[in-house]
Amino acid sequence: MTVRSHAASTTAFEDACVGDAMHAGVLTCPPSTSLRTIARMMAQYGIHAVVVTLPDDEGDGELAWRVVSDLALARHAAELDDTSAGGAATEPLVTVHPGDPLARAALLMAEHGTNHLVVVDDPGRPPVGVISTLDLARAFASGRV
């Protein structure tokens, strides 16, 4: 019985996609934003990461550049007012598509040592969401995957 349960969850995991587990929408900021402001954003919205963006080539939109996580805030706790998002963005920007398998997201997180992936429909477009290790845990715990 244990083997059947494991096999069923493996199949569900392989069928699940990023869009099933991600947080739609994303909070962004320019690189000049202070870490104190980012801390307020995280606290207000109950999130663990903010995407740092740069203007796109046409200047009419934003493209994801880096991620400031709650761990970056902890690393710079003594200098929240003196450190910018651009100076503290330590997590590499790794992107996935909403239709990518959840297994791919987990593998990318492990390979790149990051807790957050930025979800994009098209690499040249603004992000549509974020998926975190906590989102993966929720998906695993729900029994959906």
Protein backbone atom coordinates (compact mmCIF):
# COMPACT_ATOMS: atom_id res chain seq x y z
CA MET A 1 0.00 0.00 0.00
CA THR A 2 2.83 2.43 0.78
CA VAL A 3 4.39 1.76 -2.60
CA ARG A 4 1.12 2.51 -4.43
CA SER A 5 0.69 5.74 -2.47
CA HIS A 6 4.24 6.81 -3.34
CA ALA A 7 3.76 5.95 -7.01
CA ALA A 8 0.51 7.91 -7.14
CA SER A 9 2.10 10.99 -5.58
CA THR A 10 5.07 10.76 -7.95
CA THR A 11 2.73 10.72 -10.94
CA ALA A 12 0.76 13.69 -9.58
CA PHE A 13 4.01 15.58 -8.96
CA GLU A 14 5.13 14.95 -12.51
CA ASP A 15 1.79 16.22 -13.85
CA ALA A 16 1.63 19.39 -11.71
CA CYS A 17 2.81 22.65 -13.20
CA VAL A 18 4.22 25.90 -11.84
CA GLY A 19 0.92 27.69 -12.47
CA ASP A 20 -0.79 25.31 -10.03
CA ALA A 21 1.41 26.38 -7.10
CA MET A 22 2.72 29.88 -7.80
CA HIS A 23 1.56 33.16 -6.30
CA ALA A 24 0.03 35.13 -9.17
CA GLY A 25 1.09 38.74 -9.24
CA VAL A 26 4.37 40.13 -8.05
CA LEU A 27 5.56 43.08 -6.00
CA THR A 28 8.38 44.94 -7.70
CA CYS A 29 10.69 47.82 -6.96
CA PRO A 30 13.52 49.68 -8.69
CA PRO A 31 17.12 48.99 -7.59
CA SER A 32 17.24 52.28 -5.65
CA THR A 33 14.51 51.23 -3.18
CA SER A 34 15.70 51.07 0.43
CA LEU A 35 15.61 47.76 2.26
CA ARG A 36 13.41 49.33 4.94
CA THR A 37 10.79 50.02 2.25
CA ILE A 38 11.11 46.44 1.03
CA ALA A 39 10.71 45.18 4.61
CA ARG A 40 7.47 47.19 4.88
CA MET A 41 6.23 45.70 1.60
CA MET A 42 6.99 42.17 2.78
CA ALA A 43 5.29 42.73 6.14
CA GLN A 44 2.23 44.39 4.63
CA TYR A 45 1.62 41.71 2.02
CA GLY A 46 2.94 38.66 3.89
CA ILE A 47 5.52 37.79 1.26
CA HIS A 48 9.15 36.66 1.41
CA ALA A 49 10.58 38.25 -1.73
CA VAL A 50 10.32 41.35 -3.90
CA VAL A 51 11.42 41.37 -7.53
CA VAL A 52 13.83 44.15 -8.46
CA THR A 53 13.10 45.46 -11.94
CA LEU A 54 14.81 47.57 -14.56
CA PRO A 55 13.12 49.47 -17.41
CA ASP A 56 12.77 47.42 -20.58
CA ASP A 57 14.56 48.47 -23.76
CA GLU A 58 11.57 50.49 -24.98
CA GLY A 59 11.26 52.25 -21.62
CA ASP A 60 7.54 51.55 -21.31
CA GLY A 61 7.68 48.57 -18.96
CA GLU A 62 9.77 46.70 -16.43
CA LEU A 63 11.80 43.53 -16.67
CA ALA A 64 12.80 41.37 -13.73
CA TRP A 65 16.46 41.81 -12.81
CA ARG A 66 17.06 40.26 -9.37
CA VAL A 67 15.22 39.16 -6.22
CA VAL A 68 15.48 40.57 -2.69
CA SER A 69 14.46 37.89 -0.21
CA ASP A 70 13.75 38.03 3.49
CA LEU A 71 17.14 36.40 4.00
CA ALA A 72 18.78 39.40 2.29
CA LEU A 73 16.96 41.63 4.78
CA ALA A 74 18.39 39.58 7.63
CA ARG A 75 21.89 39.85 6.16
CA HIS A 76 21.59 43.65 6.01
CA ALA A 77 19.52 44.21 9.18
CA ALA A 78 21.93 46.81 10.58
CA GLU A 79 21.81 48.92 7.43
CA LEU A 80 18.20 48.83 6.20
CA ASP A 81 18.12 52.57 5.47
CA ASP A 82 21.57 52.66 3.86
CA THR A 83 21.31 49.64 1.58
CA SER A 84 19.34 49.59 -1.65
CA ALA A 85 17.52 46.72 -3.29
CA GLY A 86 20.17 46.74 -6.00
CA GLY A 87 22.92 46.37 -3.41
CA ALA A 88 21.20 43.59 -1.46
CA ALA A 89 19.64 41.50 -4.22
CA THR A 90 21.52 38.30 -3.58
CA GLU A 91 19.27 35.65 -5.03
CA PRO A 92 19.98 34.92 -8.66
CA LEU A 93 17.15 35.62 -11.05
CA VAL A 94 15.94 32.28 -12.28
CA THR A 95 12.76 32.19 -14.31
CA VAL A 96 10.16 29.58 -15.14
CA HIS A 97 7.01 29.53 -17.24
CA PRO A 98 3.58 28.90 -15.63
CA GLY A 99 3.24 25.75 -17.77
CA ASP A 100 6.60 24.28 -16.71
CA PRO A 101 6.42 21.13 -14.61
CA LEU A 102 6.61 21.67 -10.86
CA ALA A 103 9.44 19.14 -10.85
CA ARG A 104 11.46 21.53 -13.06
CA ALA A 105 10.89 24.38 -10.58
CA ALA A 106 12.10 22.21 -7.70
CA LEU A 107 15.17 21.16 -9.69
CA LEU A 108 16.01 24.77 -10.64
CA MET A 109 15.73 25.88 -7.01
CA ALA A 110 18.11 23.12 -5.94
CA GLU A 111 20.57 23.73 -8.80
CA HIS A 112 20.73 27.50 -8.27
CA GLY A 113 20.48 27.52 -4.48
CA THR A 114 17.49 29.86 -4.51
CA ASN A 115 14.18 29.89 -2.66
CA HIS A 116 12.28 31.93 -5.25
CA LEU A 117 11.74 31.63 -8.98
CA VAL A 118 10.23 34.44 -11.03
CA VAL A 119 7.39 33.24 -13.26
CA VAL A 120 7.23 34.80 -16.72
CA ASP A 121 4.94 34.09 -19.69
CA ASP A 122 7.61 35.40 -22.04
CA PRO A 123 11.24 36.22 -21.16
CA GLY A 124 10.89 39.70 -22.66
CA ARG A 125 7.78 40.55 -20.63
CA PRO A 126 7.18 41.57 -16.98
CA PRO A 127 6.86 38.77 -14.41
CA VAL A 128 3.42 37.26 -13.73
CA GLY A 129 4.21 35.65 -10.40
CA VAL A 130 6.67 34.04 -8.04
CA ILE A 131 7.00 30.46 -6.87
CA SER A 132 8.87 29.75 -3.65
CA THR A 133 10.02 26.73 -1.70
CA LEU A 134 7.06 27.40 0.62
CA ASP A 135 4.71 27.20 -2.38
CA LEU A 136 6.26 23.84 -3.24
CA ALA A 137 5.78 22.66 0.34
CA ARG A 138 2.12 23.73 0.27
CA ALA A 139 1.60 21.85 -2.98
CA PHE A 140 3.25 18.73 -1.56
CA ALA A 141 1.27 18.96 1.70
CA SER A 142 -2.06 19.48 -0.07
CA GLY A 143 -1.86 16.06 -1.65
CA ARG A 144 -2.44 17.60 -5.09
CA VAL A 145 1.07 16.60 -6.05
